[in-house]
Amino acid sequence: MIPPLSIAAAGMQTASARLEDSARRVASGQIDDYAVEAVEQIRAKSEFSGNAAVARTADRMTATLLDILV
């Protein structure tokens, strides 16, 4: 079984990299359609937020399990 926290961390890293890539393209000024980049940045932000929510939930579940076992 793959731990959900590892999956969430990988997802956050991927989303962060996508946002950085998009920001780099915008900063370079060599893009034709800023709307496409805006959508890409919104998607990256949403993906990061979703993965952060998974990480928080996994953390809460682990804490609850430890409370039950202790």
C-alpha atoms as a PDB file:
ATOM      1  CA  MET A   1       0.000   0.000   0.000  1.00  0.00           C
ATOM      2  CA  ILE A   2       1.270   3.476  -0.873  1.00  0.00           C
ATOM      3  CA  PRO A   3       0.926   5.939   1.996  1.00  0.00           C
ATOM      4  CA  PRO A   4      -1.463   8.814   1.185  1.00  0.00           C
ATOM      5  CA  LEU A   5       0.948  11.347   2.658  1.00  0.00           C
ATOM      6  CA  SER A   6       3.629  10.364   0.131  1.00  0.00           C
ATOM      7  CA  ILE A   7       1.159  10.649  -2.722  1.00  0.00           C
ATOM      8  CA  ALA A   8      -0.006  14.062  -1.514  1.00  0.00           C
ATOM      9  CA  ALA A   9       3.582  15.310  -1.151  1.00  0.00           C
ATOM     10  CA  ALA A  10       4.415  14.179  -4.680  1.00  0.00           C
ATOM     11  CA  GLY A  11       1.279  15.873  -5.979  1.00  0.00           C
ATOM     12  CA  MET A  12       2.184  19.121  -4.242  1.00  0.00           C
ATOM     13  CA  GLN A  13       5.693  19.002  -5.730  1.00  0.00           C
ATOM     14  CA  THR A  14       4.273  18.424  -9.210  1.00  0.00           C
ATOM     15  CA  ALA A  15       1.764  21.257  -8.859  1.00  0.00           C
ATOM     16  CA  SER A  16       4.463  23.580  -7.556  1.00  0.00           C
ATOM     17  CA  ALA A  17       6.708  22.749 -10.509  1.00  0.00           C
ATOM     18  CA  ARG A  18       3.848  23.382 -12.942  1.00  0.00           C
ATOM     19  CA  LEU A  19       3.193  26.776 -11.371  1.00  0.00           C
ATOM     20  CA  GLU A  20       6.879  27.694 -11.527  1.00  0.00           C
ATOM     21  CA  ASP A  21       7.098  26.646 -15.181  1.00  0.00           C
ATOM     22  CA  SER A  22       4.064  28.735 -16.051  1.00  0.00           C
ATOM     23  CA  ALA A  23       5.369  31.743 -14.124  1.00  0.00           C
ATOM     24  CA  ARG A  24       8.709  31.422 -15.911  1.00  0.00           C
ATOM     25  CA  ARG A  25       6.965  31.406 -19.297  1.00  0.00           C
ATOM     26  CA  VAL A  26       4.955  34.513 -18.370  1.00  0.00           C
ATOM     27  CA  ALA A  27       8.031  36.304 -17.043  1.00  0.00           C
ATOM     28  CA  SER A  28       9.947  35.592 -20.236  1.00  0.00           C
ATOM     29  CA  GLY A  29       7.234  37.369 -22.250  1.00  0.00           C
ATOM     30  CA  GLN A  30       7.505  34.804 -25.034  1.00  0.00           C
ATOM     31  CA  ILE A  31       3.955  33.461 -24.923  1.00  0.00           C
ATOM     32  CA  ASP A  32       1.076  34.190 -27.254  1.00  0.00           C
ATOM     33  CA  ASP A  33      -1.883  33.652 -24.949  1.00  0.00           C
ATOM     34  CA  TYR A  34      -1.741  34.824 -21.352  1.00  0.00           C
ATOM     35  CA  ALA A  35      -5.196  33.338 -20.719  1.00  0.00           C
ATOM     36  CA  VAL A  36      -3.794  29.836 -21.235  1.00  0.00           C
ATOM     37  CA  GLU A  37      -1.094  30.532 -18.667  1.00  0.00           C
ATOM     38  CA  ALA A  38      -3.624  31.996 -16.228  1.00  0.00           C
ATOM     39  CA  VAL A  39      -5.679  28.813 -16.483  1.00  0.00           C
ATOM     40  CA  GLU A  40      -2.529  26.716 -16.013  1.00  0.00           C
ATOM     41  CA  GLN A  41      -1.663  28.655 -12.857  1.00  0.00           C
ATOM     42  CA  ILE A  42      -5.192  28.277 -11.476  1.00  0.00           C
ATOM     43  CA  ARG A  43      -5.081  24.538 -12.180  1.00  0.00           C
ATOM     44  CA  ALA A  44      -1.715  24.219 -10.432  1.00  0.00           C
ATOM     45  CA  LYS A  45      -3.039  26.128  -7.414  1.00  0.00           C
ATOM     46  CA  SER A  46      -6.148  23.918  -7.245  1.00  0.00           C
ATOM     47  CA  GLU A  47      -4.095  20.737  -7.540  1.00  0.00           C
ATOM     48  CA  PHE A  48      -1.747  21.913  -4.795  1.00  0.00           C
ATOM     49  CA  SER A  49      -4.700  22.769  -2.532  1.00  0.00           C
ATOM     50  CA  GLY A  50      -6.327  19.399  -3.157  1.00  0.00           C
ATOM     51  CA  ASN A  51      -3.151  17.513  -2.350  1.00  0.00           C
ATOM     52  CA  ALA A  52      -2.615  19.633   0.777  1.00  0.00           C
ATOM     53  CA  ALA A  53      -6.129  18.660   1.908  1.00  0.00           C
ATOM     54  CA  VAL A  54      -5.245  14.984   1.426  1.00  0.00           C
ATOM     55  CA  ALA A  55      -2.080  15.487   3.504  1.00  0.00           C
ATOM     56  CA  ARG A  56      -4.041  17.191   6.307  1.00  0.00           C
ATOM     57  CA  THR A  57      -6.622  14.395   6.310  1.00  0.00           C
ATOM     58  CA  ALA A  58      -3.937  11.706   6.396  1.00  0.00           C
ATOM     59  CA  ASP A  59      -2.274  13.517   9.289  1.00  0.00           C
ATOM     60  CA  ARG A  60      -5.555  13.715  11.210  1.00  0.00           C
ATOM     61  CA  MET A  61      -6.283  10.056  10.575  1.00  0.00           C
ATOM     62  CA  THR A  62      -2.835   9.047  11.823  1.00  0.00           C
ATOM     63  CA  ALA A  63      -3.259  11.203  14.936  1.00  0.00           C
ATOM     64  CA  THR A  64      -6.669   9.653  15.616  1.00  0.00           C
ATOM     65  CA  LEU A  65      -5.254   6.148  15.201  1.00  0.00           C
ATOM     66  CA  LEU A  66      -2.427   6.944  17.603  1.00  0.00           C
ATOM     67  CA  ASP A  67      -4.896   8.349  20.121  1.00  0.00           C
ATOM     68  CA  ILE A  68      -6.897   5.138  19.939  1.00  0.00           C
ATOM     69  CA  LEU A  69      -3.818   2.936  20.345  1.00  0.00           C
ATOM     70  CA  VAL A  70      -2.286   4.888  23.233  1.00  0.00           C
END
